[in-house]
Amino acid sequence: MHFVGAVTGSTCDVRPFNSAGVDATTINVGTVKPNETTATAAVSFYLKPVNCDTDAITSTNASILWAGSGLSTVGLLNTRGSATGVHIKLTPVNEGGANTIEAGNGVQANDPIREGGNVVYYKGAAALKGSFAYKVGLEVDAGAKPTQGTVDSDVAYTVAYN
């Protein structure tokens, strides 16, 4: 069992939204045909602070820790689905209007979230009041030929402003 917490003057919920601003708690990562070797087009989503006064956010540093039993050296495994030969590739991105990923520290822009590389650090000249931009897609395992079936996996995240 693992418990985490923080002491802070102001808290926000940080929730996932798609590019249209709609809740994105569940994201469709696309479809790959059996025996295909290419990845699906990545889907953009954003972690945004909600249910708080974003003007109260004064921190210029933040980190997002990604955790889950499906994290592997290549990305997020298909832990509950029946398809084989594929995994989910989750990557942080630097995008205009979103918070900026700190260079040289933790997972870098466009690199996959994976086991041993699962913390993304953000740094700004001003308070980090914006969203955290990510892309996610289905990727074929190296040397594998996908088999038909479903893809279903979960990952958790913890955002710490500091």
N, C-alpha and C. Protein backbone atom coordinates (compact mmCIF):
# COMPACT_ATOMS: atom_id res chain seq x y z
N MET A 1 0.84 -1.16 0.00
CA MET A 1 0.00 0.00 0.00
C MET A 1 0.89 1.23 0.00
N HIS A 2 0.45 2.26 -0.68
CA HIS A 2 1.24 3.48 -0.81
C HIS A 2 0.31 4.68 -0.67
N PHE A 3 0.65 5.61 0.19
CA PHE A 3 -0.16 6.81 0.41
C PHE A 3 0.67 8.03 0.08
N VAL A 4 0.06 9.00 -0.58
CA VAL A 4 0.75 10.24 -0.89
C VAL A 4 -0.13 11.41 -0.50
N GLY A 5 0.46 12.55 -0.32
CA GLY A 5 -0.30 13.75 0.00
C GLY A 5 0.60 14.96 -0.09
N ALA A 6 0.06 16.09 0.24
CA ALA A 6 0.82 17.33 0.21
C ALA A 6 0.15 18.35 1.11
N VAL A 7 0.90 19.33 1.52
CA VAL A 7 0.36 20.46 2.25
C VAL A 7 0.51 21.65 1.33
N THR A 8 -0.60 22.29 1.01
CA THR A 8 -0.56 23.40 0.06
C THR A 8 -1.64 24.41 0.40
N GLY A 9 -1.43 25.64 -0.01
CA GLY A 9 -2.39 26.69 0.27
C GLY A 9 -3.61 26.63 -0.62
N SER A 10 -3.50 26.00 -1.76
CA SER A 10 -4.61 25.95 -2.72
C SER A 10 -4.50 24.66 -3.52
N THR A 11 -5.61 23.99 -3.72
CA THR A 11 -5.58 22.76 -4.51
C THR A 11 -6.51 22.87 -5.70
N CYS A 12 -6.19 22.12 -6.73
CA CYS A 12 -7.00 22.03 -7.94
C CYS A 12 -7.15 20.57 -8.30
N ASP A 13 -8.21 20.25 -9.00
CA ASP A 13 -8.29 18.96 -9.66
C ASP A 13 -7.59 19.14 -11.00
N VAL A 14 -6.81 18.18 -11.43
CA VAL A 14 -6.19 18.23 -12.75
C VAL A 14 -6.76 17.06 -13.52
N ARG A 15 -7.59 17.39 -14.53
CA ARG A 15 -8.35 16.37 -15.25
C ARG A 15 -8.00 16.36 -16.74
N PRO A 16 -8.20 15.21 -17.40
CA PRO A 16 -7.91 15.12 -18.84
C PRO A 16 -9.07 15.62 -19.70
N PHE A 17 -8.72 16.37 -20.75
CA PHE A 17 -9.69 16.88 -21.72
C PHE A 17 -9.13 16.67 -23.13
N ASN A 18 -10.01 16.48 -24.11
CA ASN A 18 -9.54 16.37 -25.49
C ASN A 18 -9.39 17.77 -26.08
N SER A 19 -8.99 17.86 -27.33
CA SER A 19 -8.73 19.17 -27.95
C SER A 19 -9.99 20.01 -28.10
N ALA A 20 -11.18 19.38 -28.01
CA ALA A 20 -12.44 20.12 -28.08
C ALA A 20 -12.89 20.58 -26.69
N GLY A 21 -12.11 20.25 -25.65
CA GLY A 21 -12.46 20.66 -24.30
C GLY A 21 -13.43 19.72 -23.60
N VAL A 22 -13.63 18.53 -24.15
CA VAL A 22 -14.55 17.54 -23.58
C VAL A 22 -13.76 16.58 -22.68
N ASP A 23 -14.38 16.16 -21.59
CA ASP A 23 -13.76 15.20 -20.67
C ASP A 23 -13.17 14.03 -21.44
N ALA A 24 -11.94 13.67 -21.12
CA ALA A 24 -11.25 12.60 -21.85
C ALA A 24 -10.71 11.54 -20.89
N THR A 25 -11.53 11.17 -19.91
CA THR A 25 -11.10 10.14 -18.97
C THR A 25 -10.84 8.82 -19.69
N THR A 26 -11.63 8.54 -20.73
CA THR A 26 -11.41 7.37 -21.58
C THR A 26 -11.05 7.87 -22.98
N ILE A 27 -9.94 7.40 -23.53
CA ILE A 27 -9.47 7.85 -24.84
C ILE A 27 -9.35 6.65 -25.77
N ASN A 28 -9.94 6.75 -26.95
CA ASN A 28 -9.81 5.72 -27.97
C ASN A 28 -8.48 5.92 -28.68
N VAL A 29 -7.58 4.95 -28.58
CA VAL A 29 -6.24 5.07 -29.17
C VAL A 29 -6.17 4.55 -30.60
N GLY A 30 -7.29 4.14 -31.17
CA GLY A 30 -7.32 3.76 -32.57
C GLY A 30 -7.28 2.26 -32.80
N THR A 31 -7.11 1.91 -34.07
CA THR A 31 -7.15 0.51 -34.51
C THR A 31 -5.95 0.20 -35.39
N VAL A 32 -5.36 -0.94 -35.16
CA VAL A 32 -4.28 -1.47 -36.00
C VAL A 32 -4.80 -2.77 -36.60
N LYS A 33 -4.52 -3.01 -37.87
CA LYS A 33 -4.92 -4.26 -38.52
C LYS A 33 -3.94 -5.37 -38.16
N PRO A 34 -4.44 -6.62 -38.10
CA PRO A 34 -3.52 -7.74 -37.85
C PRO A 34 -2.39 -7.74 -38.89
N ASN A 35 -1.21 -8.07 -38.45
CA ASN A 35 0.00 -8.13 -39.27
C ASN A 35 0.48 -6.77 -39.76
N GLU A 36 -0.12 -5.67 -39.29
CA GLU A 36 0.33 -4.33 -39.65
C GLU A 36 1.56 -3.99 -38.80
N THR A 37 2.42 -3.15 -39.32
CA THR A 37 3.64 -2.81 -38.58
C THR A 37 3.72 -1.33 -38.20
N THR A 38 2.71 -0.55 -38.53
CA THR A 38 2.76 0.88 -38.24
C THR A 38 1.85 1.24 -37.08
N ALA A 39 2.10 2.38 -36.49
CA ALA A 39 1.33 2.87 -35.36
C ALA A 39 0.10 3.64 -35.84
N THR A 40 -0.84 3.85 -34.94
CA THR A 40 -1.99 4.69 -35.25
C THR A 40 -1.59 6.15 -35.10
N ALA A 41 -2.39 7.03 -35.66
CA ALA A 41 -2.17 8.46 -35.47
C ALA A 41 -2.39 8.79 -34.00
N ALA A 42 -1.49 9.55 -33.42
CA ALA A 42 -1.60 9.90 -32.00
C ALA A 42 -2.76 10.86 -31.77
N VAL A 43 -3.40 10.71 -30.63
CA VAL A 43 -4.53 11.54 -30.21
C VAL A 43 -4.02 12.52 -29.15
N SER A 44 -4.35 13.80 -29.30
CA SER A 44 -3.94 14.80 -28.32
C SER A 44 -4.91 14.85 -27.16
N PHE A 45 -4.37 15.06 -25.96
CA PHE A 45 -5.21 15.36 -24.80
C PHE A 45 -4.42 16.27 -23.87
N TYR A 46 -5.14 16.88 -22.95
CA TYR A 46 -4.56 17.90 -22.08
C TYR A 46 -4.98 17.67 -20.64
N LEU A 47 -4.05 17.73 -19.73
CA LEU A 47 -4.37 17.72 -18.31
C LEU A 47 -4.50 19.18 -17.90
N LYS A 48 -5.69 19.55 -17.40
CA LYS A 48 -5.96 20.95 -17.07
C LYS A 48 -6.41 21.09 -15.63
N PRO A 49 -5.95 22.15 -14.94
CA PRO A 49 -6.45 22.41 -13.59
C PRO A 49 -7.89 22.92 -13.67
N VAL A 50 -8.77 22.31 -12.87
CA VAL A 50 -10.18 22.71 -12.82
C VAL A 50 -10.63 22.75 -11.36
N ASN A 51 -11.80 23.30 -11.15
CA ASN A 51 -12.41 23.39 -9.81
C ASN A 51 -11.53 24.17 -8.84
N CYS A 52 -10.91 25.23 -9.34
CA CYS A 52 -10.09 26.07 -8.49
C CYS A 52 -9.91 27.43 -9.17
N ASP A 53 -9.36 28.34 -8.44
CA ASP A 53 -9.01 29.65 -8.98
C ASP A 53 -7.59 29.53 -9.54
N THR A 54 -7.47 29.42 -10.87
CA THR A 54 -6.14 29.24 -11.46
C THR A 54 -5.24 30.46 -11.21
N ASP A 55 -5.83 31.61 -10.89
CA ASP A 55 -5.01 32.77 -10.55
C ASP A 55 -4.25 32.55 -9.24
N ALA A 56 -4.72 31.58 -8.44
CA ALA A 56 -4.04 31.27 -7.18
C ALA A 56 -2.82 30.39 -7.40
N ILE A 57 -2.66 29.83 -8.60
CA ILE A 57 -1.47 29.02 -8.90
C ILE A 57 -0.29 29.96 -9.11
N THR A 58 0.70 29.85 -8.26
CA THR A 58 1.86 30.74 -8.35
C THR A 58 3.16 30.00 -8.65
N SER A 59 3.12 28.68 -8.64
CA SER A 59 4.33 27.89 -8.84
C SER A 59 4.82 27.97 -10.29
N THR A 60 6.13 28.04 -10.44
CA THR A 60 6.73 28.02 -11.78
C THR A 60 7.32 26.64 -12.09
N ASN A 61 7.13 25.68 -11.19
CA ASN A 61 7.62 24.31 -11.37
C ASN A 61 6.50 23.32 -11.07
N ALA A 62 6.47 22.24 -11.82
CA ALA A 62 5.51 21.16 -11.56
C ALA A 62 6.11 19.86 -12.07
N SER A 63 5.59 18.76 -11.54
CA SER A 63 5.99 17.45 -12.05
C SER A 63 4.75 16.57 -12.13
N ILE A 64 4.75 15.68 -13.10
CA ILE A 64 3.67 14.70 -13.23
C ILE A 64 4.30 13.32 -13.21
N LEU A 65 3.90 12.54 -12.22
CA LEU A 65 4.36 11.16 -12.06
C LEU A 65 3.28 10.24 -12.63
N TRP A 66 3.65 9.40 -13.56
CA TRP A 66 2.75 8.41 -14.17
C TRP A 66 3.05 7.06 -13.55
N ALA A 67 2.00 6.33 -13.15
CA ALA A 67 2.19 5.04 -12.49
C ALA A 67 1.12 4.05 -12.92
N GLY A 68 1.49 2.79 -12.93
CA GLY A 68 0.53 1.75 -13.24
C GLY A 68 1.23 0.43 -13.46
N SER A 69 0.52 -0.65 -13.22
CA SER A 69 1.11 -1.98 -13.37
C SER A 69 1.46 -2.29 -14.82
N GLY A 70 0.87 -1.56 -15.77
CA GLY A 70 1.13 -1.82 -17.17
C GLY A 70 2.32 -1.08 -17.75
N LEU A 71 2.97 -0.20 -16.97
CA LEU A 71 4.14 0.50 -17.50
C LEU A 71 5.28 -0.48 -17.72
N SER A 72 5.85 -0.44 -18.91
CA SER A 72 6.95 -1.33 -19.26
C SER A 72 8.06 -0.51 -19.90
N THR A 73 9.09 -1.17 -20.36
CA THR A 73 10.21 -0.46 -20.98
C THR A 73 9.85 0.16 -22.32
N VAL A 74 8.73 -0.25 -22.94
CA VAL A 74 8.33 0.31 -24.23
C VAL A 74 7.16 1.29 -24.13
N GLY A 75 6.45 1.27 -23.03
CA GLY A 75 5.28 2.13 -22.87
C GLY A 75 4.27 1.47 -21.96
N LEU A 76 3.00 1.56 -22.32
CA LEU A 76 1.92 1.01 -21.50
C LEU A 76 1.40 -0.27 -22.15
N LEU A 77 1.51 -1.38 -21.43
CA LEU A 77 1.09 -2.67 -21.95
C LEU A 77 -0.43 -2.79 -22.04
N ASN A 78 -0.88 -3.68 -22.89
CA ASN A 78 -2.31 -3.99 -23.04
C ASN A 78 -2.68 -4.96 -21.92
N THR A 79 -2.93 -4.44 -20.73
CA THR A 79 -3.08 -5.29 -19.55
C THR A 79 -4.42 -6.00 -19.46
N ARG A 80 -5.49 -5.44 -20.03
CA ARG A 80 -6.81 -6.07 -19.89
C ARG A 80 -7.44 -6.45 -21.22
N GLY A 81 -6.78 -6.13 -22.31
CA GLY A 81 -7.33 -6.47 -23.62
C GLY A 81 -6.82 -7.80 -24.13
N SER A 82 -7.41 -8.26 -25.24
CA SER A 82 -7.05 -9.57 -25.78
C SER A 82 -6.09 -9.51 -26.97
N ALA A 83 -5.87 -8.34 -27.55
CA ALA A 83 -4.94 -8.21 -28.68
C ALA A 83 -3.50 -8.41 -28.18
N THR A 84 -2.65 -8.92 -29.06
CA THR A 84 -1.23 -9.07 -28.73
C THR A 84 -0.40 -8.34 -29.77
N GLY A 85 0.85 -8.05 -29.42
CA GLY A 85 1.76 -7.42 -30.36
C GLY A 85 1.65 -5.91 -30.45
N VAL A 86 0.94 -5.30 -29.50
CA VAL A 86 0.79 -3.84 -29.49
C VAL A 86 0.93 -3.32 -28.07
N HIS A 87 1.25 -2.04 -27.96
CA HIS A 87 1.27 -1.35 -26.68
C HIS A 87 0.81 0.09 -26.91
N ILE A 88 0.55 0.79 -25.84
CA ILE A 88 0.10 2.18 -25.91
C ILE A 88 1.30 3.09 -25.67
N LYS A 89 1.47 4.05 -26.56
CA LYS A 89 2.57 5.01 -26.44
C LYS A 89 1.99 6.34 -25.98
N LEU A 90 2.40 6.77 -24.79
CA LEU A 90 1.96 8.02 -24.18
C LEU A 90 3.15 8.95 -24.11
N THR A 91 3.04 10.14 -24.71
CA THR A 91 4.17 11.06 -24.75
C THR A 91 3.76 12.47 -24.35
N PRO A 92 4.60 13.16 -23.57
CA PRO A 92 4.36 14.57 -23.31
C PRO A 92 4.81 15.38 -24.53
N VAL A 93 4.15 16.48 -24.79
CA VAL A 93 4.54 17.33 -25.92
C VAL A 93 4.60 18.79 -25.49
N ASN A 94 5.49 19.53 -26.11
CA ASN A 94 5.51 20.98 -25.95
C ASN A 94 4.62 21.55 -27.04
N GLU A 95 3.64 22.29 -26.64
CA GLU A 95 2.66 22.82 -27.58
C GLU A 95 2.33 24.24 -27.17
N GLY A 96 2.17 25.12 -28.13
CA GLY A 96 1.84 26.51 -27.84
C GLY A 96 0.64 26.63 -26.92
N GLY A 97 0.74 27.45 -25.90
CA GLY A 97 -0.34 27.66 -24.95
C GLY A 97 -0.32 26.70 -23.78
N ALA A 98 0.44 25.62 -23.87
CA ALA A 98 0.54 24.65 -22.77
C ALA A 98 1.81 24.92 -21.97
N ASN A 99 1.88 24.36 -20.79
CA ASN A 99 3.08 24.48 -19.97
C ASN A 99 4.26 23.81 -20.67
N THR A 100 5.46 24.31 -20.42
CA THR A 100 6.67 23.85 -21.11
C THR A 100 7.40 22.78 -20.31
N ILE A 101 7.79 21.70 -21.00
CA ILE A 101 8.54 20.61 -20.39
C ILE A 101 9.96 21.09 -20.11
N GLU A 102 10.46 20.80 -18.92
CA GLU A 102 11.81 21.22 -18.54
C GLU A 102 12.84 20.40 -19.31
N ALA A 103 13.71 21.08 -20.02
CA ALA A 103 14.75 20.41 -20.82
C ALA A 103 15.79 19.77 -19.92
N GLY A 104 16.20 18.55 -20.27
CA GLY A 104 17.29 17.88 -19.58
C GLY A 104 16.93 17.24 -18.25
N ASN A 105 15.65 17.21 -17.90
CA ASN A 105 15.25 16.64 -16.62
C ASN A 105 14.02 15.77 -16.81
N GLY A 106 14.10 14.49 -16.49
CA GLY A 106 12.96 13.59 -16.61
C GLY A 106 12.64 13.25 -18.06
N VAL A 107 11.39 12.82 -18.28
CA VAL A 107 10.94 12.47 -19.63
C VAL A 107 10.88 13.74 -20.47
N GLN A 108 11.44 13.68 -21.67
CA GLN A 108 11.48 14.83 -22.55
C GLN A 108 10.32 14.81 -23.55
N ALA A 109 10.08 15.95 -24.18
CA ALA A 109 9.01 16.06 -25.17
C ALA A 109 9.15 14.98 -26.23
N ASN A 110 8.05 14.33 -26.55
CA ASN A 110 7.93 13.30 -27.58
C ASN A 110 8.59 11.96 -27.21
N ASP A 111 9.14 11.83 -26.01
CA ASP A 111 9.66 10.55 -25.53
C ASP A 111 8.54 9.81 -24.80
N PRO A 112 8.49 8.49 -24.88
CA PRO A 112 7.40 7.76 -24.24
C PRO A 112 7.51 7.71 -22.72
N ILE A 113 6.35 7.75 -22.07
CA ILE A 113 6.25 7.46 -20.65
C ILE A 113 6.44 5.95 -20.54
N ARG A 114 7.33 5.50 -19.67
CA ARG A 114 7.63 4.07 -19.58
C ARG A 114 8.17 3.75 -18.19
N GLU A 115 8.34 2.48 -17.94
CA GLU A 115 8.96 2.04 -16.70
C GLU A 115 10.38 2.61 -16.63
N GLY A 116 10.72 3.23 -15.52
CA GLY A 116 12.04 3.82 -15.36
C GLY A 116 12.15 5.22 -15.96
N GLY A 117 11.14 5.67 -16.64
CA GLY A 117 11.09 7.01 -17.23
C GLY A 117 9.65 7.49 -17.19
N ASN A 118 9.18 7.82 -15.99
CA ASN A 118 7.76 8.09 -15.83
C ASN A 118 7.44 9.41 -15.12
N VAL A 119 8.42 10.31 -15.04
CA VAL A 119 8.17 11.62 -14.44
C VAL A 119 8.48 12.71 -15.47
N VAL A 120 7.53 13.60 -15.66
CA VAL A 120 7.70 14.73 -16.57
C VAL A 120 7.78 15.99 -15.72
N TYR A 121 8.83 16.78 -15.92
CA TYR A 121 9.01 18.02 -15.17
C TYR A 121 8.68 19.21 -16.06
N TYR A 122 8.04 20.20 -15.47
CA TYR A 122 7.66 21.41 -16.18
C TYR A 122 8.27 22.60 -15.47
N LYS A 123 8.69 23.59 -16.27
CA LYS A 123 9.29 24.79 -15.71
C LYS A 123 8.86 25.98 -16.55
N GLY A 124 8.48 27.04 -15.89
CA GLY A 124 8.06 28.24 -16.62
C GLY A 124 8.66 29.49 -16.04
N ALA A 125 8.71 30.54 -16.84
CA ALA A 125 9.17 31.84 -16.36
C ALA A 125 8.09 32.48 -15.50
N ALA A 126 6.84 32.07 -15.75
CA ALA A 126 5.70 32.57 -14.98
C ALA A 126 4.96 31.36 -14.39
N ALA A 127 3.96 31.63 -13.59
CA ALA A 127 3.19 30.56 -12.95
C ALA A 127 2.61 29.60 -14.00
N LEU A 128 2.60 28.30 -13.66
CA LEU A 128 2.12 27.25 -14.57
C LEU A 128 0.60 27.11 -14.45
N LYS A 129 -0.14 28.05 -15.04
CA LYS A 129 -1.60 28.06 -14.95
C LYS A 129 -2.26 27.32 -16.10
N GLY A 130 -1.48 26.97 -17.10
CA GLY A 130 -2.03 26.35 -18.30
C GLY A 130 -2.18 24.85 -18.19
N SER A 131 -2.39 24.23 -19.34
CA SER A 131 -2.57 22.78 -19.40
C SER A 131 -1.22 22.09 -19.64
N PHE A 132 -1.23 20.77 -19.47
CA PHE A 132 -0.09 19.92 -19.74
C PHE A 132 -0.47 19.07 -20.95
N ALA A 133 0.24 19.24 -22.07
CA ALA A 133 -0.14 18.59 -23.33
C ALA A 133 0.51 17.22 -23.49
N TYR A 134 -0.31 16.27 -23.99
CA TYR A 134 0.15 14.89 -24.22
C TYR A 134 -0.43 14.35 -25.51
N LYS A 135 0.19 13.30 -26.03
CA LYS A 135 -0.36 12.54 -27.15
C LYS A 135 -0.31 11.07 -26.78
N VAL A 136 -1.27 10.32 -27.31
CA VAL A 136 -1.34 8.89 -27.02
C VAL A 136 -1.78 8.15 -28.27
N GLY A 137 -1.20 6.99 -28.50
CA GLY A 137 -1.58 6.19 -29.66
C GLY A 137 -1.21 4.74 -29.46
N LEU A 138 -1.67 3.93 -30.37
CA LEU A 138 -1.40 2.49 -30.35
C LEU A 138 -0.16 2.24 -31.20
N GLU A 139 0.79 1.47 -30.68
CA GLU A 139 2.04 1.22 -31.40
C GLU A 139 2.29 -0.29 -31.46
N VAL A 140 2.79 -0.73 -32.60
CA VAL A 140 3.10 -2.15 -32.79
C VAL A 140 4.43 -2.45 -32.09
N ASP A 141 4.47 -3.55 -31.34
CA ASP A 141 5.70 -3.97 -30.67
C ASP A 141 6.77 -4.30 -31.71
N ALA A 142 8.02 -3.98 -31.40
CA ALA A 142 9.12 -4.26 -32.32
C ALA A 142 9.17 -5.74 -32.66
N GLY A 143 9.20 -6.04 -33.95
CA GLY A 143 9.30 -7.41 -34.42
C GLY A 143 8.03 -8.24 -34.28
N ALA A 144 6.94 -7.62 -33.85
CA ALA A 144 5.70 -8.37 -33.63
C ALA A 144 4.72 -8.19 -34.78
N LYS A 145 3.82 -9.14 -34.90
CA LYS A 145 2.69 -9.05 -35.82
C LYS A 145 1.44 -9.07 -34.95
N PRO A 146 0.70 -7.96 -34.89
CA PRO A 146 -0.46 -7.89 -34.00
C PRO A 146 -1.50 -8.96 -34.32
N THR A 147 -2.15 -9.43 -33.27
CA THR A 147 -3.28 -10.33 -33.43
C THR A 147 -4.55 -9.60 -33.04
N GLN A 148 -5.66 -10.01 -33.61
CA GLN A 148 -6.94 -9.36 -33.36
C GLN A 148 -7.32 -9.43 -31.89
N GLY A 149 -8.02 -8.39 -31.45
CA GLY A 149 -8.52 -8.35 -30.08
C GLY A 149 -8.65 -6.92 -29.61
N THR A 150 -9.00 -6.77 -28.36
CA THR A 150 -9.20 -5.45 -27.77
C THR A 150 -7.92 -4.94 -27.12
N VAL A 151 -7.85 -3.63 -26.95
CA VAL A 151 -6.76 -3.00 -26.22
C VAL A 151 -7.40 -2.22 -25.07
N ASP A 152 -6.94 -2.48 -23.85
CA ASP A 152 -7.56 -1.88 -22.67
C ASP A 152 -6.51 -1.79 -21.57
N SER A 153 -6.21 -0.59 -21.12
CA SER A 153 -5.20 -0.40 -20.09
C SER A 153 -5.47 0.89 -19.33
N ASP A 154 -4.93 0.99 -18.15
CA ASP A 154 -5.08 2.18 -17.31
C ASP A 154 -3.72 2.67 -16.86
N VAL A 155 -3.67 3.95 -16.57
CA VAL A 155 -2.48 4.54 -15.96
C VAL A 155 -2.99 5.65 -15.04
N ALA A 156 -2.28 5.89 -13.95
CA ALA A 156 -2.64 6.95 -13.01
C ALA A 156 -1.58 8.04 -13.07
N TYR A 157 -1.96 9.24 -12.70
CA TYR A 157 -1.00 10.34 -12.67
C TYR A 157 -1.18 11.15 -11.40
N THR A 158 -0.08 11.72 -10.94
CA THR A 158 -0.08 12.61 -9.79
C THR A 158 0.63 13.88 -10.20
N VAL A 159 -0.03 15.01 -10.02
CA VAL A 159 0.54 16.31 -10.38
C VAL A 159 0.97 17.01 -9.09
N ALA A 160 2.21 17.47 -9.06
CA ALA A 160 2.72 18.21 -7.91
C ALA A 160 3.26 19.55 -8.38
N TYR A 161 2.65 20.62 -7.90
CA TYR A 161 3.18 21.97 -8.15
C TYR A 161 4.16 22.25 -7.02
N ASN A 162 5.36 22.75 -7.37
CA ASN A 162 6.33 23.05 -6.33
C ASN A 162 7.18 24.24 -6.70
